[in-house]
Amino acid sequence: MTCLGYSSFKAGDVSPDLASEQAKQIQAGLVLVYAEVKASEPASVRLQRLRERAKKKDSEEVEPEQKLYDYFASYW
């Protein structure tokens, strides 16, 4: 089996289905996806969002903390 390619990136929550779509486009018979939590949203970013909502007097609930992942996919 020959590796057709690979991809790696950092992002928030991304569906593995996107890797499956790419596999179909490049006619790969197999795609291996690996994701590892690398960090949570920095406190400074969360604090800034809270300040902006307070200025707007927004009564919505505060969004949950976003996680940052390292993704790796290989196409075979």
N, C-alpha and C. Protein backbone atom coordinates (compact mmCIF):
# COMPACT_ATOMS: atom_id res chain seq x y z
N MET A 1 0.85 -1.17 0.00
CA MET A 1 0.00 0.00 0.00
C MET A 1 0.89 1.23 0.00
N THR A 2 0.56 2.21 -0.81
CA THR A 2 1.35 3.42 -0.96
C THR A 2 0.64 4.61 -0.34
N CYS A 3 1.38 5.41 0.39
CA CYS A 3 0.82 6.63 0.96
C CYS A 3 0.62 7.65 -0.15
N LEU A 4 -0.60 8.16 -0.28
CA LEU A 4 -0.91 9.15 -1.31
C LEU A 4 -0.64 10.57 -0.84
N GLY A 5 -0.57 10.74 0.46
CA GLY A 5 -0.31 12.07 1.01
C GLY A 5 -0.72 12.15 2.45
N TYR A 6 -0.48 13.31 3.04
CA TYR A 6 -0.84 13.53 4.43
C TYR A 6 -1.12 15.01 4.65
N SER A 7 -1.72 15.31 5.78
CA SER A 7 -2.04 16.67 6.14
C SER A 7 -1.94 16.80 7.65
N SER A 8 -1.46 17.93 8.12
CA SER A 8 -1.46 18.20 9.56
C SER A 8 -1.77 19.68 9.76
N PHE A 9 -2.50 19.97 10.83
CA PHE A 9 -2.87 21.35 11.14
C PHE A 9 -3.36 21.44 12.58
N LYS A 10 -3.45 22.67 13.09
CA LYS A 10 -4.01 22.95 14.40
C LYS A 10 -5.33 23.67 14.19
N ALA A 11 -6.34 23.27 14.95
CA ALA A 11 -7.65 23.91 14.82
C ALA A 11 -8.52 23.54 16.01
N GLY A 12 -9.69 24.11 16.03
CA GLY A 12 -10.69 23.74 17.02
C GLY A 12 -11.29 22.40 16.63
N ASP A 13 -12.49 22.14 17.06
CA ASP A 13 -13.15 20.86 16.79
C ASP A 13 -13.48 20.73 15.30
N VAL A 14 -12.91 19.75 14.64
CA VAL A 14 -13.12 19.50 13.22
C VAL A 14 -13.63 18.07 13.04
N SER A 15 -14.65 17.90 12.24
CA SER A 15 -15.21 16.58 12.01
C SER A 15 -14.28 15.70 11.18
N PRO A 16 -14.09 14.43 11.58
CA PRO A 16 -13.28 13.50 10.78
C PRO A 16 -13.89 13.23 9.41
N ASP A 17 -15.17 13.54 9.24
CA ASP A 17 -15.83 13.36 7.94
C ASP A 17 -15.16 14.19 6.85
N LEU A 18 -14.56 15.30 7.22
CA LEU A 18 -13.87 16.12 6.23
C LEU A 18 -12.69 15.37 5.63
N ALA A 19 -12.00 14.58 6.42
CA ALA A 19 -10.89 13.77 5.91
C ALA A 19 -11.41 12.69 4.97
N SER A 20 -12.58 12.15 5.28
CA SER A 20 -13.19 11.13 4.41
C SER A 20 -13.56 11.72 3.06
N GLU A 21 -14.06 12.96 3.07
CA GLU A 21 -14.40 13.63 1.80
C GLU A 21 -13.15 13.83 0.95
N GLN A 22 -12.05 14.25 1.60
CA GLN A 22 -10.79 14.43 0.88
C GLN A 22 -10.28 13.10 0.33
N ALA A 23 -10.43 12.03 1.12
CA ALA A 23 -9.99 10.70 0.67
C ALA A 23 -10.73 10.30 -0.61
N LYS A 24 -12.00 10.58 -0.68
CA LYS A 24 -12.78 10.26 -1.89
C LYS A 24 -12.27 11.04 -3.08
N GLN A 25 -11.96 12.32 -2.86
CA GLN A 25 -11.50 13.18 -3.95
C GLN A 25 -10.17 12.70 -4.54
N ILE A 26 -9.29 12.16 -3.69
CA ILE A 26 -7.98 11.72 -4.20
C ILE A 26 -7.95 10.20 -4.43
N GLN A 27 -9.12 9.58 -4.32
CA GLN A 27 -9.29 8.14 -4.55
C GLN A 27 -8.43 7.29 -3.62
N ALA A 28 -8.38 7.69 -2.36
CA ALA A 28 -7.67 6.90 -1.34
C ALA A 28 -8.62 5.84 -0.80
N GLY A 29 -8.12 4.66 -0.59
CA GLY A 29 -8.94 3.58 -0.05
C GLY A 29 -9.02 3.60 1.46
N LEU A 30 -8.11 4.35 2.09
CA LEU A 30 -8.03 4.38 3.55
C LEU A 30 -7.51 5.73 3.99
N VAL A 31 -8.08 6.27 5.06
CA VAL A 31 -7.57 7.49 5.66
C VAL A 31 -7.44 7.25 7.17
N LEU A 32 -6.28 7.59 7.70
CA LEU A 32 -6.04 7.48 9.14
C LEU A 32 -6.02 8.89 9.72
N VAL A 33 -6.83 9.13 10.75
CA VAL A 33 -6.92 10.46 11.36
C VAL A 33 -6.51 10.36 12.81
N TYR A 34 -5.66 11.28 13.23
CA TYR A 34 -5.21 11.35 14.61
C TYR A 34 -5.44 12.77 15.10
N ALA A 35 -6.02 12.91 16.29
CA ALA A 35 -6.24 14.23 16.89
C ALA A 35 -5.80 14.18 18.34
N GLU A 36 -5.12 15.23 18.76
CA GLU A 36 -4.65 15.31 20.15
C GLU A 36 -4.96 16.71 20.68
N VAL A 37 -5.56 16.78 21.87
CA VAL A 37 -5.83 18.06 22.50
C VAL A 37 -4.49 18.69 22.87
N LYS A 38 -4.28 19.91 22.42
CA LYS A 38 -3.03 20.60 22.71
C LYS A 38 -3.20 21.69 23.75
N ALA A 39 -4.30 22.40 23.72
CA ALA A 39 -4.48 23.51 24.67
C ALA A 39 -5.94 23.91 24.72
N SER A 40 -6.27 24.55 25.77
CA SER A 40 -7.58 25.17 25.88
C SER A 40 -7.45 26.61 25.42
N GLU A 41 -8.57 27.25 25.28
CA GLU A 41 -8.58 28.65 24.88
C GLU A 41 -7.80 29.47 25.91
N PRO A 42 -6.93 30.34 25.46
CA PRO A 42 -6.17 31.16 26.42
C PRO A 42 -7.11 32.00 27.28
N ALA A 43 -6.74 32.18 28.53
CA ALA A 43 -7.57 32.96 29.46
C ALA A 43 -7.78 34.38 28.95
N SER A 44 -6.79 34.94 28.28
CA SER A 44 -6.91 36.32 27.78
C SER A 44 -8.01 36.43 26.73
N VAL A 45 -8.16 35.41 25.90
CA VAL A 45 -9.20 35.41 24.87
C VAL A 45 -10.57 35.30 25.53
N ARG A 46 -10.69 34.41 26.49
CA ARG A 46 -11.96 34.23 27.20
C ARG A 46 -12.34 35.52 27.95
N LEU A 47 -11.38 36.15 28.60
CA LEU A 47 -11.63 37.39 29.33
C LEU A 47 -12.09 38.49 28.39
N GLN A 48 -11.47 38.58 27.22
CA GLN A 48 -11.86 39.60 26.24
C GLN A 48 -13.30 39.38 25.79
N ARG A 49 -13.69 38.12 25.55
CA ARG A 49 -15.08 37.84 25.16
C ARG A 49 -16.05 38.26 26.25
N LEU A 50 -15.69 37.99 27.51
CA LEU A 50 -16.55 38.38 28.63
C LEU A 50 -16.69 39.90 28.72
N ARG A 51 -15.60 40.62 28.49
CA ARG A 51 -15.65 42.09 28.52
C ARG A 51 -16.56 42.62 27.42
N GLU A 52 -16.44 42.05 26.22
CA GLU A 52 -17.27 42.51 25.10
C GLU A 52 -18.74 42.26 25.38
N ARG A 53 -19.06 41.13 25.96
CA ARG A 53 -20.46 40.84 26.30
C ARG A 53 -20.98 41.77 27.38
N ALA A 54 -20.13 42.10 28.35
CA ALA A 54 -20.55 42.99 29.42
C ALA A 54 -20.86 44.38 28.86
N LYS A 55 -20.07 44.84 27.89
CA LYS A 55 -20.32 46.14 27.26
C LYS A 55 -21.66 46.15 26.53
N LYS A 56 -21.99 45.04 25.90
CA LYS A 56 -23.24 44.93 25.15
C LYS A 56 -24.41 44.59 26.07
N LYS A 57 -24.10 44.27 27.33
CA LYS A 57 -25.10 43.83 28.30
C LYS A 57 -25.87 42.64 27.75
N ASP A 58 -25.13 41.75 27.13
CA ASP A 58 -25.69 40.54 26.52
C ASP A 58 -26.05 39.55 27.61
N SER A 59 -27.26 39.07 27.61
CA SER A 59 -27.71 38.15 28.66
C SER A 59 -27.50 36.68 28.30
N GLU A 60 -26.93 36.42 27.13
CA GLU A 60 -26.69 35.03 26.73
C GLU A 60 -25.66 34.38 27.64
N GLU A 61 -25.72 33.07 27.73
CA GLU A 61 -24.73 32.34 28.51
C GLU A 61 -23.37 32.46 27.84
N VAL A 62 -22.34 32.36 28.65
CA VAL A 62 -20.97 32.39 28.15
C VAL A 62 -20.69 31.08 27.43
N GLU A 63 -20.10 31.17 26.26
CA GLU A 63 -19.78 29.97 25.49
C GLU A 63 -18.75 29.13 26.22
N PRO A 64 -18.82 27.82 26.08
CA PRO A 64 -17.81 26.97 26.72
C PRO A 64 -16.43 27.23 26.12
N GLU A 65 -15.43 26.91 26.91
CA GLU A 65 -14.05 27.08 26.47
C GLU A 65 -13.77 26.25 25.22
N GLN A 66 -13.08 26.83 24.28
CA GLN A 66 -12.72 26.13 23.05
C GLN A 66 -11.40 25.41 23.27
N LYS A 67 -11.30 24.21 22.73
CA LYS A 67 -10.05 23.45 22.82
C LYS A 67 -9.32 23.55 21.49
N LEU A 68 -8.01 23.46 21.54
CA LEU A 68 -7.18 23.49 20.35
C LEU A 68 -6.60 22.10 20.16
N TYR A 69 -6.69 21.56 18.96
CA TYR A 69 -6.23 20.22 18.66
C TYR A 69 -5.11 20.25 17.62
N ASP A 70 -4.22 19.27 17.69
CA ASP A 70 -3.27 18.97 16.61
C ASP A 70 -3.91 17.83 15.82
N TYR A 71 -4.07 18.01 14.51
CA TYR A 71 -4.65 16.97 13.66
C TYR A 71 -3.59 16.45 12.70
N PHE A 72 -3.68 15.17 12.39
CA PHE A 72 -2.82 14.56 11.37
C PHE A 72 -3.67 13.53 10.63
N ALA A 73 -3.64 13.58 9.33
CA ALA A 73 -4.36 12.59 8.51
C ALA A 73 -3.41 12.09 7.43
N SER A 74 -3.41 10.77 7.22
CA SER A 74 -2.63 10.21 6.12
C SER A 74 -3.59 9.43 5.23
N TYR A 75 -3.33 9.51 3.94
CA TYR A 75 -4.21 8.94 2.91
C TYR A 75 -3.47 7.80 2.21
N TRP A 76 -4.11 6.64 2.15
CA TRP A 76 -3.51 5.43 1.59
C TRP A 76 -4.38 4.85 0.50
